[in-house]
């Protein structure tokens, strides 16, 4: 899957975190609150996600993800959880710092590198 901007990945991840799926919608206002952005910013991002075929939204309706959007958002969230767990449990980094750093790292690491790192970590049983 083509890599997206950090911002778009954050929106997909937030929708999944809020319980959004291909069938369960989330509200724009909830996404705005989660990400600390304006509702107008959410609308702009969702328009872009719709153009990429990752989200659906009827006129002024709630937002659902397409199969591809849900898979991408879930993947970003999985990366985040695994990185956060590694930083806190393996390295002893405080949770607040680990949360910020996991968010940055989840966007920067390539799919190939993440798969190799993930396999390595799973062998360690963290």
PDB file of N, CA and C in Angstrom:
ATOM      1  N   UNK A   1       0.838  -1.178   0.000  1.00  0.00           N
ATOM      2  CA  UNK A   1       0.000   0.000   0.000  1.00  0.00           C
ATOM      3  C   UNK A   1       0.887   1.246   0.000  1.00  0.00           C
ATOM      4  N   UNK A   2       0.504   2.220  -0.771  1.00  0.00           N
ATOM      5  CA  UNK A   2       1.285   3.456  -0.869  1.00  0.00           C
ATOM      6  C   UNK A   2       1.288   4.197   0.469  1.00  0.00           C
ATOM      7  N   UNK A   3       2.476   4.655   0.864  1.00  0.00           N
ATOM      8  CA  UNK A   3       2.628   5.386   2.123  1.00  0.00           C
ATOM      9  C   UNK A   3       1.938   6.740   2.001  1.00  0.00           C
ATOM     10  N   UNK A   4       1.225   7.122   3.048  1.00  0.00           N
ATOM     11  CA  UNK A   4       0.517   8.398   3.079  1.00  0.00           C
ATOM     12  C   UNK A   4       1.231   9.389   3.973  1.00  0.00           C
ATOM     13  N   UNK A   5       0.704  10.589   4.000  1.00  0.00           N
ATOM     14  CA  UNK A   5       1.269  11.607   4.882  1.00  0.00           C
ATOM     15  C   UNK A   5       0.998  11.215   6.337  1.00  0.00           C
ATOM     16  N   UNK A   6       1.834  11.721   7.212  1.00  0.00           N
ATOM     17  CA  UNK A   6       1.684  11.481   8.643  1.00  0.00           C
ATOM     18  C   UNK A   6       0.301  11.927   9.114  1.00  0.00           C
ATOM     19  N   UNK A   7      -0.160  13.040   8.623  1.00  0.00           N
ATOM     20  CA  UNK A   7      -1.455  13.583   9.011  1.00  0.00           C
ATOM     21  C   UNK A   7      -2.587  12.629   8.631  1.00  0.00           C
ATOM     22  N   UNK A   8      -2.572  12.138   7.401  1.00  0.00           N
ATOM     23  CA  UNK A   8      -3.631  11.224   6.970  1.00  0.00           C
ATOM     24  C   UNK A   8      -3.574   9.911   7.744  1.00  0.00           C
ATOM     25  N   UNK A   9      -2.374   9.449   8.035  1.00  0.00           N
ATOM     26  CA  UNK A   9      -2.246   8.246   8.855  1.00  0.00           C
ATOM     27  C   UNK A   9      -2.838   8.486  10.242  1.00  0.00           C
ATOM     28  N   UNK A  10      -2.601   9.668  10.804  1.00  0.00           N
ATOM     29  CA  UNK A  10      -3.152   9.996  12.118  1.00  0.00           C
ATOM     30  C   UNK A  10      -4.686   9.993  12.102  1.00  0.00           C
ATOM     31  N   UNK A  11      -5.269  10.495  11.031  1.00  0.00           N
ATOM     32  CA  UNK A  11      -6.734  10.498  10.928  1.00  0.00           C
ATOM     33  C   UNK A  11      -7.270   9.076  10.846  1.00  0.00           C
ATOM     34  N   UNK A  12      -6.673   8.237  10.025  1.00  0.00           N
ATOM     35  CA  UNK A  12      -7.127   6.848   9.921  1.00  0.00           C
ATOM     36  C   UNK A  12      -6.973   6.125  11.261  1.00  0.00           C
ATOM     37  N   UNK A  13      -5.838   6.326  11.904  1.00  0.00           N
ATOM     38  CA  UNK A  13      -5.585   5.707  13.201  1.00  0.00           C
ATOM     39  C   UNK A  13      -6.625   6.179  14.222  1.00  0.00           C
ATOM     40  N   UNK A  14      -6.925   7.467  14.236  1.00  0.00           N
ATOM     41  CA  UNK A  14      -7.899   8.017  15.185  1.00  0.00           C
ATOM     42  C   UNK A  14      -9.286   7.419  14.958  1.00  0.00           C
ATOM     43  N   UNK A  15      -9.668   7.272  13.711  1.00  0.00           N
ATOM     44  CA  UNK A  15     -10.982   6.695  13.404  1.00  0.00           C
ATOM     45  C   UNK A  15     -11.058   5.265  13.934  1.00  0.00           C
ATOM     46  N   UNK A  16     -10.010   4.491  13.717  1.00  0.00           N
ATOM     47  CA  UNK A  16      -9.975   3.115  14.223  1.00  0.00           C
ATOM     48  C   UNK A  16      -9.984   3.124  15.757  1.00  0.00           C
ATOM     49  N   UNK A  17      -9.226   4.006  16.370  1.00  0.00           N
ATOM     50  CA  UNK A  17      -9.180   4.094  17.834  1.00  0.00           C
ATOM     51  C   UNK A  17     -10.552   4.437  18.415  1.00  0.00           C
ATOM     52  N   UNK A  18     -11.317   5.212  17.682  1.00  0.00           N
ATOM     53  CA  UNK A  18     -12.657   5.603  18.132  1.00  0.00           C
ATOM     54  C   UNK A  18     -13.699   4.516  17.852  1.00  0.00           C
ATOM     55  N   UNK A  19     -13.255   3.409  17.302  1.00  0.00           N
ATOM     56  CA  UNK A  19     -14.166   2.293  17.045  1.00  0.00           C
ATOM     57  C   UNK A  19     -14.732   2.259  15.647  1.00  0.00           C
ATOM     58  N   UNK A  20     -14.248   3.141  14.782  1.00  0.00           N
ATOM     59  CA  UNK A  20     -14.739   3.188  13.411  1.00  0.00           C
ATOM     60  C   UNK A  20     -14.275   1.992  12.601  1.00  0.00           C
ATOM     61  N   UNK A  21     -15.187   1.465  11.796  1.00  0.00           N
ATOM     62  CA  UNK A  21     -14.884   0.341  10.907  1.00  0.00           C
ATOM     63  C   UNK A  21     -15.548   0.604   9.564  1.00  0.00           C
ATOM     64  N   UNK A  22     -15.657  -0.443   8.766  1.00  0.00           N
ATOM     65  CA  UNK A  22     -16.358  -0.325   7.490  1.00  0.00           C
ATOM     66  C   UNK A  22     -17.864  -0.222   7.704  1.00  0.00           C
ATOM     67  N   UNK A  23     -18.327  -0.628   8.884  1.00  0.00           N
ATOM     68  CA  UNK A  23     -19.766  -0.592   9.170  1.00  0.00           C
ATOM     69  C   UNK A  23     -20.137   0.319  10.338  1.00  0.00           C
ATOM     70  N   UNK A  24     -19.193   0.557  11.239  1.00  0.00           N
ATOM     71  CA  UNK A  24     -19.466   1.412  12.404  1.00  0.00           C
ATOM     72  C   UNK A  24     -18.899   2.805  12.132  1.00  0.00           C
ATOM     73  N   UNK A  25     -19.770   3.808  12.053  1.00  0.00           N
ATOM     74  CA  UNK A  25     -19.302   5.166  11.755  1.00  0.00           C
ATOM     75  C   UNK A  25     -18.822   5.903  12.997  1.00  0.00           C
ATOM     76  N   UNK A  26     -18.047   6.948  12.770  1.00  0.00           N
ATOM     77  CA  UNK A  26     -17.651   7.869  13.834  1.00  0.00           C
ATOM     78  C   UNK A  26     -18.019   9.281  13.403  1.00  0.00           C
ATOM     79  N   UNK A  27     -18.182  10.144  14.391  1.00  0.00           N
ATOM     80  CA  UNK A  27     -18.563  11.526  14.104  1.00  0.00           C
ATOM     81  C   UNK A  27     -17.326  12.401  13.914  1.00  0.00           C
ATOM     82  N   UNK A  28     -17.450  13.373  13.061  1.00  0.00           N
ATOM     83  CA  UNK A  28     -16.357  14.327  12.820  1.00  0.00           C
ATOM     84  C   UNK A  28     -15.922  15.006  14.100  1.00  0.00           C
ATOM     85  N   UNK A  29     -16.879  15.381  14.939  1.00  0.00           N
ATOM     86  CA  UNK A  29     -16.567  16.090  16.171  1.00  0.00           C
ATOM     87  C   UNK A  29     -15.728  15.218  17.104  1.00  0.00           C
ATOM     88  N   UNK A  30     -15.968  13.911  17.097  1.00  0.00           N
ATOM     89  CA  UNK A  30     -15.176  13.011  17.935  1.00  0.00           C
ATOM     90  C   UNK A  30     -13.740  12.899  17.431  1.00  0.00           C
ATOM     91  N   UNK A  31     -13.585  12.888  16.121  1.00  0.00           N
ATOM     92  CA  UNK A  31     -12.232  12.855  15.539  1.00  0.00           C
ATOM     93  C   UNK A  31     -11.505  14.154  15.874  1.00  0.00           C
ATOM     94  N   UNK A  32     -12.207  15.273  15.740  1.00  0.00           N
ATOM     95  CA  UNK A  32     -11.609  16.583  16.053  1.00  0.00           C
ATOM     96  C   UNK A  32     -11.142  16.631  17.503  1.00  0.00           C
ATOM     97  N   UNK A  33     -11.964  16.134  18.406  1.00  0.00           N
ATOM     98  CA  UNK A  33     -11.612  16.129  19.828  1.00  0.00           C
ATOM     99  C   UNK A  33     -10.407  15.223  20.069  1.00  0.00           C
ATOM    100  N   UNK A  34     -10.420  14.042  19.480  1.00  0.00           N
ATOM    101  CA  UNK A  34      -9.336  13.073  19.668  1.00  0.00           C
ATOM    102  C   UNK A  34      -7.993  13.653  19.217  1.00  0.00           C
ATOM    103  N   UNK A  35      -7.998  14.323  18.071  1.00  0.00           N
ATOM    104  CA  UNK A  35      -6.748  14.835  17.492  1.00  0.00           C
ATOM    105  C   UNK A  35      -6.435  16.271  17.909  1.00  0.00           C
ATOM    106  N   UNK A  36      -7.366  16.926  18.582  1.00  0.00           N
ATOM    107  CA  UNK A  36      -7.128  18.309  18.992  1.00  0.00           C
ATOM    108  C   UNK A  36      -7.088  19.270  17.824  1.00  0.00           C
ATOM    109  N   UNK A  37      -7.970  19.027  16.843  1.00  0.00           N
ATOM    110  CA  UNK A  37      -8.032  19.880  15.658  1.00  0.00           C
ATOM    111  C   UNK A  37      -9.460  20.401  15.490  1.00  0.00           C
ATOM    112  N   UNK A  38      -9.643  21.321  14.561  1.00  0.00           N
ATOM    113  CA  UNK A  38     -10.977  21.861  14.305  1.00  0.00           C
ATOM    114  C   UNK A  38     -11.787  20.883  13.454  1.00  0.00           C
ATOM    115  N   UNK A  39     -13.093  21.047  13.515  1.00  0.00           N
ATOM    116  CA  UNK A  39     -13.972  20.207  12.693  1.00  0.00           C
ATOM    117  C   UNK A  39     -13.708  20.479  11.205  1.00  0.00           C
ATOM    118  N   UNK A  40     -13.351  21.718  10.876  1.00  0.00           N
ATOM    119  CA  UNK A  40     -13.028  22.055   9.486  1.00  0.00           C
ATOM    120  C   UNK A  40     -11.805  21.267   9.011  1.00  0.00           C
ATOM    121  N   UNK A  41     -10.816  21.099   9.883  1.00  0.00           N
ATOM    122  CA  UNK A  41      -9.626  20.307   9.535  1.00  0.00           C
ATOM    123  C   UNK A  41     -10.000  18.851   9.292  1.00  0.00           C
ATOM    124  N   UNK A  42     -10.913  18.334  10.118  1.00  0.00           N
ATOM    125  CA  UNK A  42     -11.378  16.957   9.930  1.00  0.00           C
ATOM    126  C   UNK A  42     -12.074  16.827   8.584  1.00  0.00           C
ATOM    127  N   UNK A  43     -12.938  17.786   8.271  1.00  0.00           N
ATOM    128  CA  UNK A  43     -13.668  17.728   6.997  1.00  0.00           C
ATOM    129  C   UNK A  43     -12.715  17.747   5.807  1.00  0.00           C
ATOM    130  N   UNK A  44     -11.687  18.561   5.889  1.00  0.00           N
ATOM    131  CA  UNK A  44     -10.697  18.638   4.806  1.00  0.00           C
ATOM    132  C   UNK A  44      -9.951  17.309   4.670  1.00  0.00           C
ATOM    133  N   UNK A  45      -9.538  16.742   5.791  1.00  0.00           N
ATOM    134  CA  UNK A  45      -8.806  15.476   5.763  1.00  0.00           C
ATOM    135  C   UNK A  45      -9.693  14.334   5.259  1.00  0.00           C
ATOM    136  N   UNK A  46     -10.945  14.317   5.721  1.00  0.00           N
ATOM    137  CA  UNK A  46     -11.858  13.254   5.295  1.00  0.00           C
ATOM    138  C   UNK A  46     -12.138  13.353   3.802  1.00  0.00           C
ATOM    139  N   UNK A  47     -12.245  14.557   3.290  1.00  0.00           N
ATOM    140  CA  UNK A  47     -12.424  14.735   1.840  1.00  0.00           C
ATOM    141  C   UNK A  47     -11.258  14.101   1.092  1.00  0.00           C
ATOM    142  N   UNK A  48     -10.054  14.324   1.573  1.00  0.00           N
ATOM    143  CA  UNK A  48      -8.865  13.740   0.946  1.00  0.00           C
ATOM    144  C   UNK A  48      -8.876  12.214   1.072  1.00  0.00           C
ATOM    145  N   UNK A  49      -9.263  11.700   2.243  1.00  0.00           N
ATOM    146  CA  UNK A  49      -9.324  10.248   2.442  1.00  0.00           C
ATOM    147  C   UNK A  49     -10.391   9.623   1.539  1.00  0.00           C
ATOM    148  N   UNK A  50     -11.485  10.333   1.329  1.00  0.00           N
ATOM    149  CA  UNK A  50     -12.532   9.842   0.426  1.00  0.00           C
ATOM    150  C   UNK A  50     -12.002   9.786  -1.009  1.00  0.00           C
ATOM    151  N   UNK A  51     -11.257  10.816  -1.413  1.00  0.00           N
ATOM    152  CA  UNK A  51     -10.684  10.847  -2.764  1.00  0.00           C
ATOM    153  C   UNK A  51      -9.708   9.696  -2.992  1.00  0.00           C
ATOM    154  N   UNK A  52      -9.038   9.257  -1.922  1.00  0.00           N
ATOM    155  CA  UNK A  52      -8.084   8.153  -2.015  1.00  0.00           C
ATOM    156  C   UNK A  52      -8.774   6.790  -1.876  1.00  0.00           C
ATOM    157  N   UNK A  53     -10.084   6.811  -1.668  1.00  0.00           N
ATOM    158  CA  UNK A  53     -10.837   5.573  -1.529  1.00  0.00           C
ATOM    159  C   UNK A  53     -10.668   4.902  -0.172  1.00  0.00           C
ATOM    160  N   UNK A  54     -10.348   5.679   0.864  1.00  0.00           N
ATOM    161  CA  UNK A  54     -10.100   5.116   2.189  1.00  0.00           C
ATOM    162  C   UNK A  54     -11.232   5.354   3.177  1.00  0.00           C
ATOM    163  N   UNK A  55     -12.119   6.287   2.865  1.00  0.00           N
ATOM    164  CA  UNK A  55     -13.226   6.615   3.771  1.00  0.00           C
ATOM    165  C   UNK A  55     -14.477   6.925   2.963  1.00  0.00           C
ATOM    166  N   UNK A  56     -15.602   6.762   3.631  1.00  0.00           N
ATOM    167  CA  UNK A  56     -16.900   7.110   3.054  1.00  0.00           C
ATOM    168  C   UNK A  56     -17.620   8.033   4.018  1.00  0.00           C
ATOM    169  N   UNK A  57     -18.370   8.976   3.450  1.00  0.00           N
ATOM    170  CA  UNK A  57     -19.160   9.877   4.278  1.00  0.00           C
ATOM    171  C   UNK A  57     -20.290  10.444   3.431  1.00  0.00           C
ATOM    172  N   UNK A  58     -21.521  10.109   3.796  1.00  0.00           N
ATOM    173  CA  UNK A  58     -22.630  10.748   3.078  1.00  0.00           C
ATOM    174  C   UNK A  58     -22.641  12.235   3.402  1.00  0.00           C
ATOM    175  N   UNK A  59     -23.315  13.007   2.611  1.00  0.00           N
ATOM    176  CA  UNK A  59     -23.364  14.450   2.796  1.00  0.00           C
ATOM    177  C   UNK A  59     -23.720  14.789   4.238  1.00  0.00           C
ATOM    178  N   UNK A  60     -22.806  15.426   4.949  1.00  0.00           N
ATOM    179  CA  UNK A  60     -22.951  15.818   6.352  1.00  0.00           C
ATOM    180  C   UNK A  60     -23.223  14.640   7.285  1.00  0.00           C
ATOM    181  N   UNK A  61     -22.814  13.450   6.892  1.00  0.00           N
ATOM    182  CA  UNK A  61     -23.036  12.271   7.724  1.00  0.00           C
ATOM    183  C   UNK A  61     -21.786  11.857   8.475  1.00  0.00           C
ATOM    184  N   UNK A  62     -21.925  10.758   9.185  1.00  0.00           N
ATOM    185  CA  UNK A  62     -20.804  10.215   9.930  1.00  0.00           C
ATOM    186  C   UNK A  62     -19.856   9.469   8.986  1.00  0.00           C
ATOM    187  N   UNK A  63     -18.670   9.173   9.467  1.00  0.00           N
ATOM    188  CA  UNK A  63     -17.583   8.656   8.640  1.00  0.00           C
ATOM    189  C   UNK A  63     -17.365   7.171   8.898  1.00  0.00           C
ATOM    190  N   UNK A  64     -17.301   6.410   7.821  1.00  0.00           N
ATOM    191  CA  UNK A  64     -16.903   5.011   7.907  1.00  0.00           C
ATOM    192  C   UNK A  64     -15.661   4.844   7.047  1.00  0.00           C
ATOM    193  N   UNK A  65     -14.959   3.758   7.266  1.00  0.00           N
ATOM    194  CA  UNK A  65     -13.764   3.464   6.480  1.00  0.00           C
ATOM    195  C   UNK A  65     -14.079   2.415   5.430  1.00  0.00           C
ATOM    196  N   UNK A  66     -13.374   2.471   4.335  1.00  0.00           N
ATOM    197  CA  UNK A  66     -13.451   1.394   3.351  1.00  0.00           C
ATOM    198  C   UNK A  66     -12.596   0.245   3.878  1.00  0.00           C
ATOM    199  N   UNK A  67     -12.647  -0.885   3.217  1.00  0.00           N
ATOM    200  CA  UNK A  67     -11.809  -2.015   3.636  1.00  0.00           C
ATOM    201  C   UNK A  67     -10.342  -1.614   3.658  1.00  0.00           C
ATOM    202  N   UNK A  68      -9.914  -0.913   2.611  1.00  0.00           N
ATOM    203  CA  UNK A  68      -8.518  -0.474   2.529  1.00  0.00           C
ATOM    204  C   UNK A  68      -8.182   0.548   3.619  1.00  0.00           C
ATOM    205  N   UNK A  69      -9.097   1.464   3.887  1.00  0.00           N
ATOM    206  CA  UNK A  69      -8.884   2.467   4.924  1.00  0.00           C
ATOM    207  C   UNK A  69      -8.803   1.845   6.308  1.00  0.00           C
ATOM    208  N   UNK A  70      -9.662   0.855   6.557  1.00  0.00           N
ATOM    209  CA  UNK A  70      -9.636   0.181   7.858  1.00  0.00           C
ATOM    210  C   UNK A  70      -8.338  -0.607   8.026  1.00  0.00           C
ATOM    211  N   UNK A  71      -7.919  -1.290   6.966  1.00  0.00           N
ATOM    212  CA  UNK A  71      -6.667  -2.059   7.035  1.00  0.00           C
ATOM    213  C   UNK A  71      -5.487  -1.126   7.292  1.00  0.00           C
ATOM    214  N   UNK A  72      -5.449   0.011   6.613  1.00  0.00           N
ATOM    215  CA  UNK A  72      -4.345   0.958   6.786  1.00  0.00           C
ATOM    216  C   UNK A  72      -4.362   1.540   8.200  1.00  0.00           C
ATOM    217  N   UNK A  73      -5.523   2.002   8.656  1.00  0.00           N
ATOM    218  CA  UNK A  73      -5.629   2.578   9.985  1.00  0.00           C
ATOM    219  C   UNK A  73      -5.289   1.578  11.080  1.00  0.00           C
ATOM    220  N   UNK A  74      -5.734   0.342  10.915  1.00  0.00           N
ATOM    221  CA  UNK A  74      -5.417  -0.709  11.896  1.00  0.00           C
ATOM    222  C   UNK A  74      -3.928  -0.994  11.927  1.00  0.00           C
ATOM    223  N   UNK A  75      -3.308  -0.955  10.757  1.00  0.00           N
ATOM    224  CA  UNK A  75      -1.868  -1.189  10.658  1.00  0.00           C
ATOM    225  C   UNK A  75      -1.090  -0.102  11.407  1.00  0.00           C
ATOM    226  N   UNK A  76      -1.491   1.141  11.239  1.00  0.00           N
ATOM    227  CA  UNK A  76      -0.820   2.246  11.941  1.00  0.00           C
ATOM    228  C   UNK A  76      -1.008   2.088  13.451  1.00  0.00           C
ATOM    229  N   UNK A  77      -2.222   1.737  13.866  1.00  0.00           N
ATOM    230  CA  UNK A  77      -2.495   1.563  15.292  1.00  0.00           C
ATOM    231  C   UNK A  77      -1.693   0.393  15.868  1.00  0.00           C
ATOM    232  N   UNK A  78      -1.589  -0.694  15.112  1.00  0.00           N
ATOM    233  CA  UNK A  78      -0.793  -1.840  15.565  1.00  0.00           C
ATOM    234  C   UNK A  78       0.671  -1.450  15.743  1.00  0.00           C
ATOM    235  N   UNK A  79       1.187  -0.688  14.799  1.00  0.00           N
ATOM    236  CA  UNK A  79       2.578  -0.210  14.904  1.00  0.00           C
ATOM    237  C   UNK A  79       2.756   0.609  16.172  1.00  0.00           C
ATOM    238  N   UNK A  80       1.799   1.493  16.389  1.00  0.00           N
ATOM    239  CA  UNK A  80       1.867   2.373  17.559  1.00  0.00           C
ATOM    240  C   UNK A  80       1.910   1.547  18.842  1.00  0.00           C
ATOM    241  N   UNK A  81       0.990   0.589  18.961  1.00  0.00           N
ATOM    242  CA  UNK A  81       0.939  -0.234  20.174  1.00  0.00           C
ATOM    243  C   UNK A  81       2.231  -1.014  20.375  1.00  0.00           C
ATOM    244  N   UNK A  82       2.750  -1.587  19.310  1.00  0.00           N
ATOM    245  CA  UNK A  82       3.968  -2.383  19.434  1.00  0.00           C
ATOM    246  C   UNK A  82       5.169  -1.501  19.802  1.00  0.00           C
ATOM    247  N   UNK A  83       5.279  -0.346  19.172  1.00  0.00           N
ATOM    248  CA  UNK A  83       6.374   0.571  19.485  1.00  0.00           C
ATOM    249  C   UNK A  83       6.259   1.085  20.918  1.00  0.00           C
ATOM    250  N   UNK A  84       5.050   1.449  21.336  1.00  0.00           N
ATOM    251  CA  UNK A  84       4.837   1.934  22.699  1.00  0.00           C
ATOM    252  C   UNK A  84       5.225   0.855  23.715  1.00  0.00           C
ATOM    253  N   UNK A  85       4.809  -0.364  23.464  1.00  0.00           N
ATOM    254  CA  UNK A  85       5.125  -1.469  24.372  1.00  0.00           C
ATOM    255  C   UNK A  85       6.632  -1.693  24.448  1.00  0.00           C
ATOM    256  N   UNK A  86       7.293  -1.662  23.315  1.00  0.00           N
ATOM    257  CA  UNK A  86       8.743  -1.838  23.294  1.00  0.00           C
ATOM    258  C   UNK A  86       9.444  -0.724  24.070  1.00  0.00           C
ATOM    259  N   UNK A  87       9.050   0.500  23.812  1.00  0.00           N
ATOM    260  CA  UNK A  87       9.696   1.641  24.470  1.00  0.00           C
ATOM    261  C   UNK A  87       9.493   1.616  25.982  1.00  0.00           C
ATOM    262  N   UNK A  88       8.295   1.248  26.426  1.00  0.00           N
ATOM    263  CA  UNK A  88       8.022   1.253  27.864  1.00  0.00           C
ATOM    264  C   UNK A  88       8.557   0.008  28.566  1.00  0.00           C
ATOM    265  N   UNK A  89       8.296  -1.162  28.018  1.00  0.00           N
ATOM    266  CA  UNK A  89       8.647  -2.408  28.714  1.00  0.00           C
ATOM    267  C   UNK A  89      10.100  -2.823  28.503  1.00  0.00           C
ATOM    268  N   UNK A  90      10.584  -2.727  27.280  1.00  0.00           N
ATOM    269  CA  UNK A  90      11.954  -3.172  27.000  1.00  0.00           C
ATOM    270  C   UNK A  90      12.991  -2.111  27.376  1.00  0.00           C
ATOM    271  N   UNK A  91      12.639  -0.847  27.132  1.00  0.00           N
ATOM    272  CA  UNK A  91      13.617   0.209  27.356  1.00  0.00           C
ATOM    273  C   UNK A  91      13.361   1.036  28.611  1.00  0.00           C
ATOM    274  N   UNK A  92      12.188   0.893  29.215  1.00  0.00           N
ATOM    275  CA  UNK A  92      11.886   1.617  30.438  1.00  0.00           C
ATOM    276  C   UNK A  92      11.636   3.102  30.257  1.00  0.00           C
ATOM    277  N   UNK A  93      11.249   3.496  29.082  1.00  0.00           N
ATOM    278  CA  UNK A  93      10.965   4.915  28.814  1.00  0.00           C
ATOM    279  C   UNK A  93       9.606   5.250  29.446  1.00  0.00           C
ATOM    280  N   UNK A  94       9.501   6.383  30.125  1.00  0.00           N
ATOM    281  CA  UNK A  94       8.219   6.772  30.735  1.00  0.00           C
ATOM    282  C   UNK A  94       7.094   6.818  29.690  1.00  0.00           C
ATOM    283  N   UNK A  95       5.892   6.451  30.121  1.00  0.00           N
ATOM    284  CA  UNK A  95       4.765   6.318  29.194  1.00  0.00           C
ATOM    285  C   UNK A  95       4.469   7.570  28.389  1.00  0.00           C
ATOM    286  N   UNK A  96       4.499   8.737  29.026  1.00  0.00           N
ATOM    287  CA  UNK A  96       4.185   9.974  28.302  1.00  0.00           C
ATOM    288  C   UNK A  96       5.180  10.221  27.168  1.00  0.00           C
ATOM    289  N   UNK A  97       6.453  10.023  27.445  1.00  0.00           N
ATOM    290  CA  UNK A  97       7.491  10.195  26.429  1.00  0.00           C
ATOM    291  C   UNK A  97       7.368   9.104  25.361  1.00  0.00           C
ATOM    292  N   UNK A  98       7.130   7.871  25.785  1.00  0.00           N
ATOM    293  CA  UNK A  98       7.001   6.749  24.847  1.00  0.00           C
ATOM    294  C   UNK A  98       5.819   6.958  23.908  1.00  0.00           C
ATOM    295  N   UNK A  99       4.742   7.517  24.419  1.00  0.00           N
ATOM    296  CA  UNK A  99       3.553   7.776  23.591  1.00  0.00           C
ATOM    297  C   UNK A  99       3.895   8.733  22.450  1.00  0.00           C
ATOM    298  N   UNK A 100       4.580   9.831  22.783  1.00  0.00           N
ATOM    299  CA  UNK A 100       4.962  10.816  21.763  1.00  0.00           C
ATOM    300  C   UNK A 100       5.932  10.215  20.746  1.00  0.00           C
ATOM    301  N   UNK A 101       6.911   9.479  21.236  1.00  0.00           N
ATOM    302  CA  UNK A 101       7.929   8.921  20.349  1.00  0.00           C
ATOM    303  C   UNK A 101       7.372   7.789  19.488  1.00  0.00           C
ATOM    304  N   UNK A 102       6.485   6.978  20.039  1.00  0.00           N
ATOM    305  CA  UNK A 102       5.859   5.910  19.250  1.00  0.00           C
ATOM    306  C   UNK A 102       5.053   6.517  18.106  1.00  0.00           C
ATOM    307  N   UNK A 103       4.402   7.641  18.377  1.00  0.00           N
ATOM    308  CA  UNK A 103       3.615   8.318  17.344  1.00  0.00           C
ATOM    309  C   UNK A 103       4.504   8.800  16.196  1.00  0.00           C
ATOM    310  N   UNK A 104       5.671   9.300  16.523  1.00  0.00           N
ATOM    311  CA  UNK A 104       6.603   9.744  15.484  1.00  0.00           C
ATOM    312  C   UNK A 104       7.188   8.557  14.714  1.00  0.00           C
ATOM    313  N   UNK A 105       7.571   7.529  15.444  1.00  0.00           N
ATOM    314  CA  UNK A 105       8.227   6.370  14.837  1.00  0.00           C
ATOM    315  C   UNK A 105       7.284   5.565  13.941  1.00  0.00           C
ATOM    316  N   UNK A 106       6.017   5.477  14.314  1.00  0.00           N
ATOM    317  CA  UNK A 106       5.065   4.674  13.546  1.00  0.00           C
ATOM    318  C   UNK A 106       4.937   5.159  12.110  1.00  0.00           C
ATOM    319  N   UNK A 107       5.200   6.443  11.894  1.00  0.00           N
ATOM    320  CA  UNK A 107       5.089   7.014  10.558  1.00  0.00           C
ATOM    321  C   UNK A 107       6.395   6.910   9.769  1.00  0.00           C
ATOM    322  N   UNK A 108       7.494   6.847  10.473  1.00  0.00           N
ATOM    323  CA  UNK A 108       8.804   6.920   9.818  1.00  0.00           C
ATOM    324  C   UNK A 108       9.329   5.570   9.345  1.00  0.00           C
ATOM    325  N   UNK A 109       8.997   4.514  10.055  1.00  0.00           N
ATOM    326  CA  UNK A 109       9.573   3.211   9.740  1.00  0.00           C
ATOM    327  C   UNK A 109       8.902   2.616   8.495  1.00  0.00           C
ATOM    328  N   UNK A 110       9.702   2.030   7.627  1.00  0.00           N
ATOM    329  CA  UNK A 110       9.160   1.424   6.412  1.00  0.00           C
ATOM    330  C   UNK A 110       8.441   0.121   6.762  1.00  0.00           C
ATOM    331  N   UNK A 111       7.573  -0.313   5.865  1.00  0.00           N
ATOM    332  CA  UNK A 111       6.857  -1.574   6.084  1.00  0.00           C
ATOM    333  C   UNK A 111       7.836  -2.731   6.233  1.00  0.00           C
ATOM    334  N   UNK A 112       8.837  -2.766   5.373  1.00  0.00           N
ATOM    335  CA  UNK A 112       9.819  -3.850   5.397  1.00  0.00           C
ATOM    336  C   UNK A 112      10.598  -3.869   6.714  1.00  0.00           C
ATOM    337  N   UNK A 113      11.065  -2.712   7.141  1.00  0.00           N
ATOM    338  CA  UNK A 113      11.810  -2.644   8.398  1.00  0.00           C
ATOM    339  C   UNK A 113      10.923  -2.995   9.579  1.00  0.00           C
ATOM    340  N   UNK A 114       9.669  -2.539   9.546  1.00  0.00           N
ATOM    341  CA  UNK A 114       8.768  -2.838  10.645  1.00  0.00           C
ATOM    342  C   UNK A 114       8.500  -4.346  10.748  1.00  0.00           C
ATOM    343  N   UNK A 115       8.317  -5.002   9.624  1.00  0.00           N
ATOM    344  CA  UNK A 115       8.079  -6.454   9.642  1.00  0.00           C
ATOM    345  C   UNK A 115       9.263  -7.194  10.255  1.00  0.00           C
ATOM    346  N   UNK A 116      10.468  -6.803   9.875  1.00  0.00           N
ATOM    347  CA  UNK A 116      11.663  -7.450  10.419  1.00  0.00           C
ATOM    348  C   UNK A 116      11.804  -7.158  11.912  1.00  0.00           C
ATOM    349  N   UNK A 117      11.585  -5.915  12.299  1.00  0.00           N
ATOM    350  CA  UNK A 117      11.677  -5.539  13.705  1.00  0.00           C
ATOM    351  C   UNK A 117      10.606  -6.269  14.516  1.00  0.00           C
ATOM    352  N   UNK A 118       9.392  -6.317  13.985  1.00  0.00           N
ATOM    353  CA  UNK A 118       8.281  -6.979  14.662  1.00  0.00           C
ATOM    354  C   UNK A 118       8.573  -8.466  14.875  1.00  0.00           C
ATOM    355  N   UNK A 119       9.112  -9.122  13.867  1.00  0.00           N
ATOM    356  CA  UNK A 119       9.477 -10.544  13.995  1.00  0.00           C
ATOM    357  C   UNK A 119      10.525 -10.729  15.086  1.00  0.00           C
ATOM    358  N   UNK A 120      11.491  -9.857  15.121  1.00  0.00           N
ATOM    359  CA  UNK A 120      12.540  -9.915  16.130  1.00  0.00           C
ATOM    360  C   UNK A 120      11.953  -9.739  17.533  1.00  0.00           C
ATOM    361  N   UNK A 121      11.074  -8.762  17.694  1.00  0.00           N
ATOM    362  CA  UNK A 121      10.469  -8.470  18.996  1.00  0.00           C
ATOM    363  C   UNK A 121       9.605  -9.639  19.450  1.00  0.00           C
ATOM    364  N   UNK A 122       8.867 -10.235  18.542  1.00  0.00           N
ATOM    365  CA  UNK A 122       8.016 -11.361  18.903  1.00  0.00           C
ATOM    366  C   UNK A 122       8.838 -12.542  19.393  1.00  0.00           C
ATOM    367  N   UNK A 123      10.044 -12.708  18.866  1.00  0.00           N
ATOM    368  CA  UNK A 123      10.926 -13.771  19.342  1.00  0.00           C
ATOM    369  C   UNK A 123      11.347 -13.532  20.788  1.00  0.00           C
ATOM    370  N   UNK A 124      11.430 -12.257  21.165  1.00  0.00           N
ATOM    371  CA  UNK A 124      11.809 -11.902  22.539  1.00  0.00           C
ATOM    372  C   UNK A 124      10.640 -12.016  23.509  1.00  0.00           C
ATOM    373  N   UNK A 125       9.420 -12.131  22.960  1.00  0.00           N
ATOM    374  CA  UNK A 125       8.181 -12.247  23.759  1.00  0.00           C
ATOM    375  C   UNK A 125       7.961 -11.052  24.674  1.00  0.00           C
ATOM    376  N   UNK A 126       8.044  -9.858  24.118  1.00  0.00           N
ATOM    377  CA  UNK A 126       7.783  -8.646  24.919  1.00  0.00           C
ATOM    378  C   UNK A 126       6.297  -8.393  25.028  1.00  0.00           C
TER     379      UNK A 126
END
